[in-house]
N, C-alpha and C. Protein backbone atom coordinates (compact mmCIF):
# COMPACT_ATOMS: atom_id res chain seq x y z
N MET A 1 3.98 21.03 -8.45
CA MET A 1 5.19 20.23 -8.83
C MET A 1 5.06 18.80 -9.69
N LEU A 2 5.41 18.93 -10.75
CA LEU A 2 5.43 17.69 -11.51
C LEU A 2 6.53 16.50 -11.28
N THR A 3 6.30 15.83 -10.92
CA THR A 3 7.31 14.47 -10.41
C THR A 3 7.07 13.48 -11.82
N LEU A 4 8.00 12.95 -12.25
CA LEU A 4 7.92 11.76 -13.14
C LEU A 4 8.29 10.54 -12.48
N HIS A 5 7.53 9.51 -12.51
CA HIS A 5 8.24 8.54 -11.79
C HIS A 5 8.23 7.49 -12.82
N THR A 6 9.21 6.61 -12.99
CA THR A 6 9.57 5.74 -13.84
C THR A 6 10.16 4.56 -13.39
N ALA A 7 9.95 3.39 -13.98
CA ALA A 7 10.57 1.85 -13.59
C ALA A 7 10.94 1.21 -14.85
N GLY A 8 11.42 0.05 -14.43
CA GLY A 8 11.94 -1.11 -15.46
C GLY A 8 10.64 -1.15 -16.42
N LEU A 9 9.50 -1.61 -15.66
CA LEU A 9 8.02 -2.17 -16.17
C LEU A 9 6.75 -1.45 -15.59
N LEU A 10 6.27 -0.98 -16.37
CA LEU A 10 4.86 -0.61 -15.68
C LEU A 10 3.51 -1.22 -16.32
N VAL A 11 2.89 -1.56 -15.36
CA VAL A 11 1.45 -2.08 -15.72
C VAL A 11 0.35 -1.19 -14.80
N ALA A 12 -0.64 -0.98 -15.98
CA ALA A 12 -1.37 0.48 -15.14
C ALA A 12 -2.50 -0.31 -14.73
N GLY A 13 -3.08 -1.66 -14.86
CA GLY A 13 -4.25 -1.94 -13.99
C GLY A 13 -4.23 -3.11 -14.28
N ARG A 14 -5.67 -3.81 -14.03
CA ARG A 14 -5.92 -5.24 -14.39
C ARG A 14 -6.02 -5.51 -15.82
N GLY A 15 -5.47 -6.52 -16.53
CA GLY A 15 -5.45 -6.70 -17.84
C GLY A 15 -4.89 -5.53 -18.77
N ALA A 16 -4.06 -4.81 -18.46
CA ALA A 16 -3.32 -3.92 -19.07
C ALA A 16 -1.99 -4.43 -19.27
N GLY A 17 -1.74 -4.73 -20.63
CA GLY A 17 -0.50 -5.04 -21.26
C GLY A 17 0.64 -4.13 -20.56
N PRO A 18 1.91 -5.27 -20.35
CA PRO A 18 3.38 -4.31 -19.56
C PRO A 18 3.83 -3.52 -20.58
N LEU A 19 4.01 -2.57 -19.92
CA LEU A 19 4.87 -1.56 -20.65
C LEU A 19 6.43 -1.23 -20.16
N ARG A 20 7.49 -1.60 -21.25
CA ARG A 20 8.69 -1.25 -20.82
C ARG A 20 9.04 0.30 -20.99
N ALA A 21 10.11 0.54 -19.55
CA ALA A 21 10.32 1.55 -19.41
C ALA A 21 9.43 2.63 -19.47
N GLY A 22 8.11 2.56 -18.69
CA GLY A 22 6.81 3.43 -18.86
C GLY A 22 7.16 4.08 -17.24
N ALA A 23 6.14 5.23 -17.69
CA ALA A 23 6.45 6.12 -16.52
C ALA A 23 5.19 6.51 -16.08
N VAL A 24 4.93 7.29 -15.19
CA VAL A 24 3.66 8.08 -14.46
C VAL A 24 3.74 9.59 -13.90
N LEU A 25 3.43 10.32 -14.86
CA LEU A 25 3.63 11.53 -14.32
C LEU A 25 2.30 12.44 -13.57
N VAL A 26 3.31 13.12 -12.53
CA VAL A 26 2.21 13.26 -11.48
C VAL A 26 1.89 14.59 -11.16
N GLU A 27 0.99 15.21 -10.96
CA GLU A 27 0.94 16.79 -10.73
C GLU A 27 -0.29 16.78 -9.64
N GLY A 28 0.67 17.51 -8.27
CA GLY A 28 -0.32 17.35 -7.52
C GLY A 28 -0.57 15.82 -6.61
N ASP A 29 -2.00 15.75 -6.55
CA ASP A 29 -2.55 14.67 -6.21
C ASP A 29 -3.28 13.95 -7.14
N ARG A 30 -2.68 13.91 -8.20
CA ARG A 30 -3.47 13.18 -9.53
C ARG A 30 -2.46 12.92 -10.67
N ILE A 31 -2.85 11.92 -11.49
CA ILE A 31 -2.01 11.27 -12.35
C ILE A 31 -2.11 11.91 -13.49
N ALA A 32 -0.96 13.09 -13.91
CA ALA A 32 -1.30 13.80 -15.55
C ALA A 32 -1.16 13.08 -16.68
N ALA A 33 -0.37 11.95 -16.71
CA ALA A 33 -0.19 11.06 -17.81
C ALA A 33 0.47 9.86 -17.30
N THR A 34 0.14 8.76 -18.31
CA THR A 34 1.11 7.91 -17.96
C THR A 34 1.91 7.25 -19.71
N GLY A 35 2.59 6.69 -19.44
CA GLY A 35 3.20 6.12 -21.19
C GLY A 35 4.68 6.09 -20.86
N PRO A 36 5.44 5.96 -22.13
CA PRO A 36 6.90 5.55 -22.60
C PRO A 36 7.43 6.72 -21.76
N TYR A 37 8.39 6.33 -20.87
CA TYR A 37 9.45 7.78 -19.84
C TYR A 37 10.01 8.50 -21.04
N GLU A 38 10.63 7.81 -22.18
CA GLU A 38 11.08 9.17 -23.36
C GLU A 38 10.55 10.02 -23.53
N GLU A 39 8.87 9.82 -24.05
CA GLU A 39 8.19 10.71 -24.32
C GLU A 39 7.94 11.71 -23.42
N LEU A 40 7.52 11.17 -22.42
CA LEU A 40 6.60 11.76 -21.28
C LEU A 40 7.98 12.94 -21.20
N ALA A 41 8.74 12.45 -20.19
CA ALA A 41 10.23 13.13 -20.24
C ALA A 41 10.37 14.50 -21.29
N ALA A 42 10.11 14.04 -22.25
CA ALA A 42 10.60 15.08 -23.66
C ALA A 42 9.50 15.79 -23.67
N ALA A 43 8.18 15.75 -23.48
CA ALA A 43 7.20 16.64 -23.24
C ALA A 43 7.16 17.67 -22.04
N ARG A 44 7.59 17.07 -20.76
CA ARG A 44 7.83 17.75 -19.45
C ARG A 44 9.30 17.93 -19.17
N PRO A 45 10.19 18.37 -19.48
CA PRO A 45 11.72 18.47 -19.58
C PRO A 45 12.00 19.28 -18.20
N HIS A 46 10.73 19.61 -17.59
CA HIS A 46 11.39 20.34 -16.27
C HIS A 46 10.83 19.24 -14.95
N ALA A 47 9.86 18.60 -15.54
CA ALA A 47 9.41 17.65 -14.48
C ALA A 47 10.37 17.00 -13.65
N ARG A 48 10.31 16.98 -12.28
CA ARG A 48 11.51 15.91 -11.25
C ARG A 48 11.67 14.35 -11.58
N VAL A 49 12.55 13.66 -11.87
CA VAL A 49 12.46 12.28 -12.09
C VAL A 49 12.77 11.35 -10.99
N ARG A 50 12.00 10.28 -10.81
CA ARG A 50 11.90 9.62 -9.74
C ARG A 50 12.33 8.42 -10.74
N ARG A 51 13.70 7.68 -10.43
CA ARG A 51 13.54 6.57 -11.00
C ARG A 51 13.70 5.46 -9.88
N TRP A 52 12.91 4.25 -10.37
CA TRP A 52 12.88 3.03 -9.59
C TRP A 52 13.13 1.46 -10.22
N PRO A 53 13.73 1.03 -9.31
CA PRO A 53 14.14 -0.41 -10.06
C PRO A 53 12.65 -1.27 -10.08
N GLY A 54 12.40 -2.39 -10.91
CA GLY A 54 11.20 -3.07 -11.17
C GLY A 54 10.08 -2.64 -11.67
N VAL A 55 8.76 -3.27 -11.10
CA VAL A 55 7.84 -2.74 -11.80
C VAL A 55 6.82 -2.02 -11.01
N LEU A 56 6.14 -0.97 -11.71
CA LEU A 56 5.30 0.05 -10.96
C LEU A 56 4.08 -0.28 -11.12
N THR A 57 2.96 -0.68 -10.29
CA THR A 57 1.64 -1.09 -10.31
C THR A 57 0.53 0.20 -9.45
N PRO A 58 -0.57 -0.20 -10.05
CA PRO A 58 -1.57 0.44 -8.99
C PRO A 58 -1.21 0.00 -7.60
N GLY A 59 -1.67 0.50 -6.43
CA GLY A 59 -1.55 0.36 -5.37
C GLY A 59 -2.71 -0.61 -5.05
N LEU A 60 -1.88 -1.43 -3.70
CA LEU A 60 -3.00 -2.53 -3.57
C LEU A 60 -4.01 -2.36 -2.33
N LEU A 61 -4.90 -3.17 -2.62
CA LEU A 61 -5.98 -3.25 -1.51
C LEU A 61 -5.99 -4.16 -0.41
N VAL A 62 -6.21 -4.27 0.58
CA VAL A 62 -6.79 -5.35 1.80
C VAL A 62 -7.98 -5.28 2.15
N HIS A 63 -8.55 -6.41 2.70
CA HIS A 63 -9.92 -6.41 3.50
C HIS A 63 -9.85 -6.99 4.63
N GLY A 64 -10.85 -6.63 5.35
CA GLY A 64 -10.60 -7.24 6.66
C GLY A 64 -10.33 -6.01 7.78
N ALA A 65 -10.39 -5.09 7.16
CA ALA A 65 -9.86 -3.67 8.09
C ALA A 65 -9.81 -3.84 9.74
N GLN A 66 -11.37 -4.16 9.99
CA GLN A 66 -11.81 -4.35 11.53
C GLN A 66 -10.95 -5.34 12.09
N GLU A 67 -10.77 -6.49 11.21
CA GLU A 67 -9.97 -7.58 11.95
C GLU A 67 -8.54 -7.37 12.15
N LEU A 68 -8.12 -6.80 11.22
CA LEU A 68 -6.52 -6.55 10.98
C LEU A 68 -6.10 -5.22 11.97
N LEU A 69 -7.02 -4.33 12.36
CA LEU A 69 -6.70 -3.11 13.06
C LEU A 69 -7.20 -2.75 13.89
N GLU A 70 -8.47 -3.21 14.23
CA GLU A 70 -9.07 -3.26 15.64
C GLU A 70 -9.05 -4.42 16.67
N GLY A 71 -9.00 -5.96 15.83
CA GLY A 71 -9.15 -7.07 16.66
C GLY A 71 -7.77 -7.66 16.36
N THR A 72 -6.46 -7.05 16.19
CA THR A 72 -5.21 -7.42 16.33
C THR A 72 -4.41 -6.36 16.82
N TYR A 73 -3.25 -6.34 17.92
CA TYR A 73 -2.41 -5.89 18.74
C TYR A 73 -0.92 -6.11 18.29
N TYR A 74 -0.95 -4.73 17.51
CA TYR A 74 0.97 -5.16 16.87
C TYR A 74 1.88 -4.07 18.50
N PRO A 75 2.92 -5.16 18.84
CA PRO A 75 3.52 -4.63 19.77
C PRO A 75 4.48 -3.74 19.58
N ASP A 76 4.30 -2.34 20.17
CA ASP A 76 5.79 -1.28 19.89
C ASP A 76 6.90 -1.87 20.31
N ASP A 77 7.75 -1.85 19.10
CA ASP A 77 9.20 -2.43 19.45
C ASP A 77 10.03 -1.06 19.22
N PRO A 78 10.70 -1.30 20.38
CA PRO A 78 11.54 -2.35 21.38
C PRO A 78 10.70 -2.29 23.08
N TYR A 79 9.78 -1.35 23.11
CA TYR A 79 9.35 -1.63 24.54
C TYR A 79 8.22 -2.34 24.95
N GLU A 80 7.94 -3.13 24.02
CA GLU A 80 6.67 -4.17 24.70
C GLU A 80 7.20 -5.60 24.00
N THR A 81 8.14 -5.47 23.11
CA THR A 81 8.81 -7.31 22.57
C THR A 81 9.09 -8.16 23.79
N ALA A 82 9.75 -7.54 24.79
CA ALA A 82 10.44 -8.06 25.69
C ALA A 82 9.32 -8.88 26.02
N GLU A 83 8.23 -8.44 26.48
CA GLU A 83 7.13 -9.06 27.00
C GLU A 83 5.81 -9.72 26.28
N LEU A 84 5.42 -9.26 25.09
CA LEU A 84 4.79 -9.37 24.17
C LEU A 84 5.41 -10.45 22.80
N GLY A 85 6.48 -10.24 22.87
CA GLY A 85 7.24 -10.81 21.48
C GLY A 85 7.02 -9.90 20.44
N THR A 86 7.13 -10.41 19.14
CA THR A 86 7.22 -9.45 18.24
C THR A 86 6.09 -9.67 17.09
N GLU A 87 5.27 -10.83 17.29
CA GLU A 87 4.19 -11.18 16.52
C GLU A 87 3.17 -10.19 16.98
N PRO A 88 2.11 -10.11 16.28
CA PRO A 88 0.73 -9.73 16.28
C PRO A 88 -0.06 -10.34 17.36
N VAL A 89 -0.60 -9.71 18.47
CA VAL A 89 -1.59 -10.40 19.32
C VAL A 89 -2.68 -10.48 18.58
N THR A 90 -3.31 -11.56 18.93
CA THR A 90 -4.78 -11.75 18.24
C THR A 90 -5.61 -12.28 19.12
N GLY A 91 -6.98 -12.65 19.17
CA GLY A 91 -7.87 -13.45 19.87
C GLY A 91 -8.49 -12.54 20.86
N ALA A 92 -9.50 -12.73 21.36
CA ALA A 92 -10.26 -11.97 22.02
C ALA A 92 -9.90 -12.19 23.44
N GLU A 93 -9.21 -13.22 24.36
CA GLU A 93 -9.27 -13.09 25.68
C GLU A 93 -7.72 -12.40 25.71
N ALA A 94 -6.72 -12.57 25.06
CA ALA A 94 -5.26 -12.28 24.62
C ALA A 94 -5.49 -10.96 24.94
N LEU A 95 -6.55 -10.21 23.93
CA LEU A 95 -6.71 -8.68 23.64
C LEU A 95 -7.25 -8.10 25.11
N ALA A 96 -7.91 -8.93 25.74
CA ALA A 96 -8.97 -8.11 27.15
C ALA A 96 -7.68 -8.26 27.93
N ALA A 97 -6.59 -9.12 27.83
CA ALA A 97 -5.62 -9.30 29.27
C ALA A 97 -4.95 -7.99 29.03
N LEU A 98 -4.76 -7.15 27.72
CA LEU A 98 -3.98 -6.53 27.69
C LEU A 98 -4.23 -5.20 28.00
N GLU A 99 -5.63 -4.86 28.47
CA GLU A 99 -6.35 -3.90 28.95
C GLU A 99 -6.06 -2.81 28.06
N LEU A 100 -6.50 -2.91 27.17
CA LEU A 100 -5.86 -1.73 25.78
C LEU A 100 -6.89 -0.38 25.88
N THR A 101 -6.23 0.94 26.28
CA THR A 101 -6.69 1.86 26.04
C THR A 101 -7.13 2.41 24.88
N ASP A 102 -8.14 3.34 24.52
CA ASP A 102 -8.13 3.51 23.25
C ASP A 102 -6.87 4.57 22.65
N ALA A 103 -6.16 5.05 22.96
CA ALA A 103 -4.63 5.78 22.78
C ALA A 103 -3.61 4.70 22.21
N ARG A 104 -3.47 3.20 23.22
CA ARG A 104 -3.19 2.16 22.36
C ARG A 104 -3.26 1.65 21.34
N ARG A 105 -4.79 1.35 21.16
CA ARG A 105 -5.20 1.05 20.09
C ARG A 105 -4.96 1.73 18.71
N GLY A 106 -5.04 3.09 19.27
CA GLY A 106 -4.60 4.06 17.82
C GLY A 106 -3.12 3.82 17.63
N ASN A 107 -2.27 4.00 18.34
CA ASN A 107 -0.87 3.42 18.67
C ASN A 107 -0.35 2.36 17.51
N SER A 108 -1.37 1.13 18.12
CA SER A 108 -1.12 -0.41 17.31
C SER A 108 -1.65 0.03 16.11
N ALA A 109 -2.82 0.66 15.41
CA ALA A 109 -2.85 0.96 14.40
C ALA A 109 -2.22 1.42 13.32
N ARG A 110 -1.68 2.71 13.71
CA ARG A 110 -0.71 3.40 13.56
C ARG A 110 0.64 2.15 13.11
N ARG A 111 1.10 1.49 13.66
CA ARG A 111 2.43 0.92 13.60
C ARG A 111 1.83 -0.08 12.37
N ALA A 112 0.42 -0.65 12.45
CA ALA A 112 -0.15 -1.59 10.98
C ALA A 112 -0.05 -1.06 10.17
N THR A 113 -0.65 0.40 9.87
CA THR A 113 -0.45 1.27 8.62
C THR A 113 0.75 1.14 8.09
N GLN A 114 2.05 1.48 9.05
CA GLN A 114 3.25 1.22 8.47
C GLN A 114 3.51 -0.10 7.66
N ARG A 115 3.03 -1.00 7.91
CA ARG A 115 3.47 -2.10 8.02
C ARG A 115 2.54 -1.99 6.46
N LEU A 116 1.44 -1.80 6.21
CA LEU A 116 0.59 -2.12 4.93
C LEU A 116 1.32 -0.86 4.00
N LEU A 117 1.94 0.11 4.51
CA LEU A 117 2.31 0.94 3.08
C LEU A 117 3.77 0.42 2.97
N ALA A 118 4.49 -0.31 3.87
CA ALA A 118 6.01 -0.93 3.09
C ALA A 118 5.43 -2.12 2.38
N ARG A 119 4.06 -2.70 2.02
CA ARG A 119 3.62 -3.83 1.41
C ARG A 119 2.89 -3.40 -0.19
N GLY A 120 3.24 -1.73 -0.29
CA GLY A 120 2.32 -1.22 -1.58
C GLY A 120 1.13 -1.03 -1.18
N VAL A 121 0.26 -1.23 -0.08
CA VAL A 121 -1.28 -1.17 0.13
C VAL A 121 -1.44 0.45 0.33
N VAL A 122 -2.38 0.96 -0.39
CA VAL A 122 -3.19 2.19 -0.59
C VAL A 122 -4.50 2.44 0.17
N ALA A 123 -5.02 1.38 0.31
CA ALA A 123 -6.50 1.39 0.78
C ALA A 123 -6.73 -0.19 1.83
N VAL A 124 -7.70 0.06 2.75
CA VAL A 124 -8.13 -0.86 3.47
C VAL A 124 -9.53 -1.05 3.35
N ALA A 125 -10.24 -2.15 3.49
CA ALA A 125 -11.88 -2.16 3.35
C ALA A 125 -12.08 -2.82 4.41
N GLY A 126 -13.33 -2.46 5.06
CA GLY A 126 -13.65 -2.93 6.42
C GLY A 126 -14.56 -1.69 7.60
N ARG A 127 -15.02 -2.27 8.50
CA ARG A 127 -15.76 -0.90 9.07
C ARG A 127 -15.04 -0.97 10.51
N LEU A 128 -14.64 0.51 10.80
CA LEU A 128 -13.80 0.52 12.00
C LEU A 128 -14.88 1.02 12.78
N THR A 129 -14.81 1.05 14.13
CA THR A 129 -15.59 1.74 15.46
C THR A 129 -14.90 2.05 16.31
N VAL A 130 -13.47 2.12 16.63
CA VAL A 130 -12.74 2.81 17.46
C VAL A 130 -12.33 4.17 16.92
N PRO A 131 -12.80 5.35 17.18
CA PRO A 131 -12.08 6.72 16.60
C PRO A 131 -10.84 6.68 16.67
N ALA A 132 -9.83 6.01 17.84
CA ALA A 132 -8.47 6.38 17.63
C ALA A 132 -7.82 5.46 16.38
N VAL A 133 -8.70 4.66 15.86
CA VAL A 133 -8.08 3.64 14.73
C VAL A 133 -8.58 4.02 13.61
N ARG A 134 -9.71 4.92 13.56
CA ARG A 134 -10.13 5.47 12.34
C ARG A 134 -9.15 6.77 12.50
N THR A 135 -9.15 7.54 12.96
CA THR A 135 -8.07 8.69 13.05
C THR A 135 -6.64 7.64 12.54
N ALA A 136 -6.13 7.03 12.90
CA ALA A 136 -5.00 6.56 12.94
C ALA A 136 -4.70 6.26 11.08
N VAL A 137 -5.62 5.56 10.73
CA VAL A 137 -5.88 5.08 9.12
C VAL A 137 -5.88 6.84 8.32
N ALA A 138 -6.91 7.73 8.92
CA ALA A 138 -7.11 8.71 8.16
C ALA A 138 -5.61 9.52 8.29
N ARG A 139 -4.71 9.76 9.15
CA ARG A 139 -3.47 10.22 8.99
C ARG A 139 -2.58 9.56 8.43
N SER A 140 -2.94 8.27 7.97
CA SER A 140 -1.65 7.46 7.21
C SER A 140 -1.76 7.82 5.57
N GLY A 141 -3.06 8.15 5.48
CA GLY A 141 -3.17 8.02 4.06
C GLY A 141 -3.74 7.26 3.40
N LEU A 142 -3.91 6.12 3.98
CA LEU A 142 -4.49 5.15 3.36
C LEU A 142 -6.10 5.11 3.33
N GLU A 143 -6.73 4.99 2.12
CA GLU A 143 -8.26 4.84 1.73
C GLU A 143 -8.78 4.09 2.64
N LEU A 144 -10.02 4.24 3.05
CA LEU A 144 -11.02 3.53 4.00
C LEU A 144 -12.57 3.51 2.79
N LEU A 145 -12.42 1.71 2.73
CA LEU A 145 -13.73 1.54 2.15
C LEU A 145 -14.52 0.74 3.06
N PRO A 146 -15.80 0.82 2.24
CA PRO A 146 -17.04 -0.13 2.92
C PRO A 146 -16.44 -1.44 3.24
N PRO A 147 -16.92 -2.24 3.71
CA PRO A 147 -16.73 -3.62 3.80
C PRO A 147 -17.28 -4.02 2.36
N ALA A 148 -16.49 -5.70 1.80
CA ALA A 148 -17.12 -6.02 0.56
C ALA A 148 -16.64 -7.58 0.76
N VAL A 149 -17.30 -8.56 0.03
CA VAL A 149 -17.20 -9.43 -0.28
C VAL A 149 -15.75 -9.91 -0.89
N THR A 150 -15.00 -10.81 -0.57
CA THR A 150 -13.69 -10.72 -1.06
C THR A 150 -13.69 -12.34 -1.19
N ALA A 151 -12.49 -13.43 -1.99
CA ALA A 151 -12.02 -14.25 -2.12
C ALA A 151 -10.69 -14.45 -1.52
N GLY A 152 -10.13 -13.53 -1.09
CA GLY A 152 -8.75 -13.14 -0.43
C GLY A 152 -8.63 -13.46 0.96
N SER A 153 -7.79 -13.40 1.29
CA SER A 153 -8.00 -13.83 3.19
C SER A 153 -7.37 -12.60 3.61
N VAL A 154 -7.77 -12.62 4.89
CA VAL A 154 -7.56 -11.12 5.61
C VAL A 154 -5.95 -11.46 6.56
N SER A 155 -5.48 -10.35 5.65
CA SER A 155 -3.63 -10.52 6.01
C SER A 155 -3.33 -9.14 5.55
N LEU A 156 -2.18 -8.65 6.56
CA LEU A 156 -1.58 -7.77 5.79
C LEU A 156 -0.85 -7.85 4.50
N ASP A 157 -0.70 -9.07 4.00
CA ASP A 157 -0.27 -9.41 2.94
C ASP A 157 -1.74 -9.40 2.02
N PRO A 158 -1.46 -8.16 0.94
CA PRO A 158 -2.84 -8.30 0.28
C PRO A 158 -2.70 -9.35 -1.00
N PHE A 159 -1.44 -9.95 -1.22
CA PHE A 159 -1.83 -11.16 -2.15
C PHE A 159 -2.25 -12.53 -1.63
N ALA A 160 -2.30 -12.22 -0.16
CA ALA A 160 -2.77 -13.96 0.66
C ALA A 160 -4.10 -14.15 -0.05
N GLY A 161 -4.24 -15.45 -0.49
CA GLY A 161 -5.45 -15.98 -0.77
C GLY A 161 -6.04 -15.67 -2.38
N ARG A 162 -5.12 -14.85 -2.80
CA ARG A 162 -5.22 -14.65 -4.47
C ARG A 162 -4.45 -15.49 -5.46
N GLU A 163 -5.27 -15.63 -6.19
CA GLU A 163 -4.81 -16.24 -7.36
C GLU A 163 -3.50 -15.89 -8.14
N ARG A 164 -3.90 -14.38 -8.85
CA ARG A 164 -2.78 -13.50 -9.38
C ARG A 164 -2.82 -12.16 -8.55
N VAL A 165 -1.77 -11.45 -8.72
CA VAL A 165 -1.53 -10.30 -8.06
C VAL A 165 -2.17 -9.19 -8.55
N GLU A 166 -2.79 -9.51 -9.62
CA GLU A 166 -3.39 -8.18 -10.28
C GLU A 166 -4.95 -8.36 -9.42
N GLU A 167 -5.23 -8.95 -8.72
CA GLU A 167 -6.42 -9.00 -7.89
C GLU A 167 -6.65 -8.08 -6.73
N ALA A 168 -5.14 -7.77 -6.53
CA ALA A 168 -4.89 -6.94 -5.38
C ALA A 168 -5.11 -5.27 -5.83
N PHE A 169 -4.82 -5.27 -7.06
CA PHE A 169 -4.59 -3.59 -7.31
C PHE A 169 -6.08 -2.88 -6.87
N HIS A 170 -5.89 -1.95 -6.76
CA HIS A 170 -6.66 -0.85 -6.51
C HIS A 170 -6.92 0.30 -7.78
N GLY A 171 -7.68 0.38 -8.18
CA GLY A 171 -7.92 1.39 -9.14
C GLY A 171 -6.78 1.31 -10.56
N VAL A 172 -6.88 2.27 -11.36
CA VAL A 172 -6.24 2.27 -13.15
C VAL A 172 -5.44 3.54 -12.83
N LEU A 173 -3.92 3.04 -13.48
CA LEU A 173 -3.21 4.56 -13.29
C LEU A 173 -3.55 5.18 -14.73
N GLN A 174 -4.00 6.02 -14.75
CA GLN A 174 -4.78 7.05 -16.06
C GLN A 174 -4.63 7.93 -15.63
N ALA A 175 -4.81 9.08 -16.56
CA ALA A 175 -4.49 10.49 -16.64
C ALA A 175 -6.05 10.84 -15.93
N GLY A 176 -6.18 11.48 -14.60
CA GLY A 176 -6.58 12.18 -13.91
C GLY A 176 -7.40 11.39 -12.57
N ALA A 177 -6.67 10.00 -12.60
CA ALA A 177 -6.98 9.53 -11.79
C ALA A 177 -6.09 9.58 -10.35
N PRO A 178 -6.41 9.26 -9.33
CA PRO A 178 -5.73 9.67 -7.97
C PRO A 178 -4.24 9.39 -8.37
N ALA A 179 -3.28 9.75 -7.76
CA ALA A 179 -1.91 9.33 -7.66
C ALA A 179 -1.42 8.53 -6.59
N ARG A 180 -2.08 7.26 -6.65
CA ARG A 180 -1.19 6.02 -5.42
C ARG A 180 -1.05 4.75 -6.49
N PHE A 181 0.31 4.64 -6.10
CA PHE A 181 0.76 3.64 -6.89
C PHE A 181 2.11 2.95 -6.02
N ALA A 182 2.42 2.00 -6.21
CA ALA A 182 3.21 1.28 -5.83
C ALA A 182 4.61 0.53 -6.60
N VAL A 183 5.55 0.46 -6.11
CA VAL A 183 6.78 0.10 -7.11
C VAL A 183 7.45 -1.13 -6.21
N PHE A 184 7.92 -2.40 -6.92
CA PHE A 184 8.13 -3.65 -6.19
C PHE A 184 9.84 -4.06 -7.15
N ALA A 185 10.38 -4.56 -6.16
CA ALA A 185 11.85 -4.96 -6.42
C ALA A 185 11.67 -6.51 -7.51
N ALA A 186 10.44 -6.50 -8.46
CA ALA A 186 10.34 -7.29 -9.39
C ALA A 186 10.51 -7.24 -10.77
N ALA A 187 11.07 -7.83 -11.56
CA ALA A 187 10.90 -7.75 -13.16
C ALA A 187 9.58 -7.97 -13.78
N ASP A 188 8.92 -8.45 -13.23
CA ASP A 188 7.63 -8.71 -13.97
C ASP A 188 6.67 -9.45 -12.63
N LEU A 189 5.26 -9.39 -13.22
CA LEU A 189 4.23 -9.93 -12.16
C LEU A 189 4.16 -11.33 -11.76
N PRO A 190 4.80 -12.45 -12.72
CA PRO A 190 5.26 -13.66 -11.80
C PRO A 190 5.99 -13.47 -11.04
N GLU A 191 6.94 -12.68 -11.38
CA GLU A 191 8.29 -12.87 -10.21
C GLU A 191 7.88 -11.71 -9.11
N LEU A 192 6.98 -10.59 -8.68
CA LEU A 192 6.27 -10.45 -7.80
C LEU A 192 5.29 -11.04 -7.15
N ALA A 193 4.63 -12.40 -7.95
CA ALA A 193 4.25 -12.87 -7.20
C ALA A 193 5.12 -13.93 -6.36
N ALA A 194 5.72 -14.10 -6.98
CA ALA A 194 7.28 -15.12 -6.18
C ALA A 194 7.82 -14.40 -4.88
N VAL A 195 8.44 -13.31 -5.38
CA VAL A 195 8.81 -12.63 -3.96
C VAL A 195 8.19 -12.27 -3.20
N GLY A 196 6.42 -11.80 -3.32
CA GLY A 196 5.86 -11.25 -2.41
C GLY A 196 5.86 -9.60 -2.23
N SER A 197 4.38 -9.28 -1.51
CA SER A 197 4.76 -7.80 -1.65
C SER A 197 5.69 -7.12 -0.67
N THR A 198 6.40 -8.02 0.01
CA THR A 198 7.61 -7.24 1.17
C THR A 198 8.81 -6.53 0.17
N SER A 199 8.34 -7.03 -1.16
CA SER A 199 9.54 -6.42 -2.09
C SER A 199 9.40 -4.93 -2.35
N CYS A 200 8.49 -4.52 -1.79
CA CYS A 200 7.78 -2.91 -2.01
C CYS A 200 9.10 -2.10 -1.91
N VAL A 201 9.48 -1.30 -3.17
CA VAL A 201 10.21 -0.31 -2.69
C VAL A 201 10.08 1.33 -2.52
N ALA A 202 8.43 1.20 -2.61
CA ALA A 202 8.25 2.65 -2.82
C ALA A 202 6.37 2.65 -2.72
N THR A 203 5.57 3.51 -1.72
CA THR A 203 4.28 3.48 -1.97
C THR A 203 3.95 4.94 -2.36
N VAL A 204 3.15 5.16 -3.08
CA VAL A 204 3.14 6.79 -3.61
C VAL A 204 1.26 6.90 -2.92
N ILE A 205 0.95 7.85 -2.43
CA ILE A 205 -0.74 8.35 -2.14
C ILE A 205 -0.67 9.58 -2.09
N GLY A 206 -1.86 9.69 -3.01
CA GLY A 206 -1.77 11.71 -2.91
C GLY A 206 -0.65 12.21 -3.68
N GLY A 207 0.07 11.80 -4.61
CA GLY A 207 1.09 12.09 -4.81
C GLY A 207 2.27 12.23 -3.72
N ARG A 208 2.06 11.75 -2.75
CA ARG A 208 3.52 11.85 -1.66
C ARG A 208 3.70 10.49 -1.28
N LEU A 209 4.99 10.83 -1.63
CA LEU A 209 6.26 9.34 -1.13
C LEU A 209 5.90 9.00 0.18
N LEU A 210 5.30 8.27 0.88
CA LEU A 210 4.46 7.58 2.08
C LEU A 210 5.58 6.57 2.47
N HIS A 211 6.24 5.78 1.70
CA HIS A 211 6.96 4.55 1.71
C HIS A 211 8.43 4.51 1.14
N ARG A 212 9.55 4.34 1.44
CA ARG A 212 10.41 4.24 0.62
C ARG A 212 11.32 3.21 1.42
N ARG A 213 11.78 1.88 0.67
CA ARG A 213 12.60 0.92 1.06
C ARG A 213 14.17 1.42 1.40
N ARG A 214 14.61 1.77 2.80
CA ARG A 214 16.24 1.99 2.51
C ARG A 214 16.78 0.96 2.54
């Protein structure tokens, strides 16, 4: 099925000029074309259209997967928050006190991946050693990349520690590339830097809509 995603502004990658009323045409799990919405809609009149507010960009990348997904526990709301609170639990001593099983680690990682998808993240970089956590990441649709040196901070927020939001872009939106991108409720990149990644309204991975803000 062909799906045409369009937004007020399209930024296809680092250094790419913004395109007003741009669009991304998706076929299966790949990008078939990018360009002005009117042109793509005229060329593929039978494509399903999804209209999004704001700016459409490549999906985002976060580093430090092991710290975020194995070295942090995300309480299960509402079942554990009365005892543990709503904030993630970190630190070797605090985690040891929880006596986590592999199943609980996997469920915690699943909750973390949901938070990442809600921020427009499509890939995480790091080395994961807990099988249940690796399974949670694989099932989420997020791409797992090898560890890499980065100037950014280890955070669920892909913009943390970065000078420009473009530094968090993962890949380029072009014909033949994987269909993974995000849409944010911001008029342009400067406004996106101001409102942050929690302004994400949609995240697409492999052509599938994996997050949609309600």
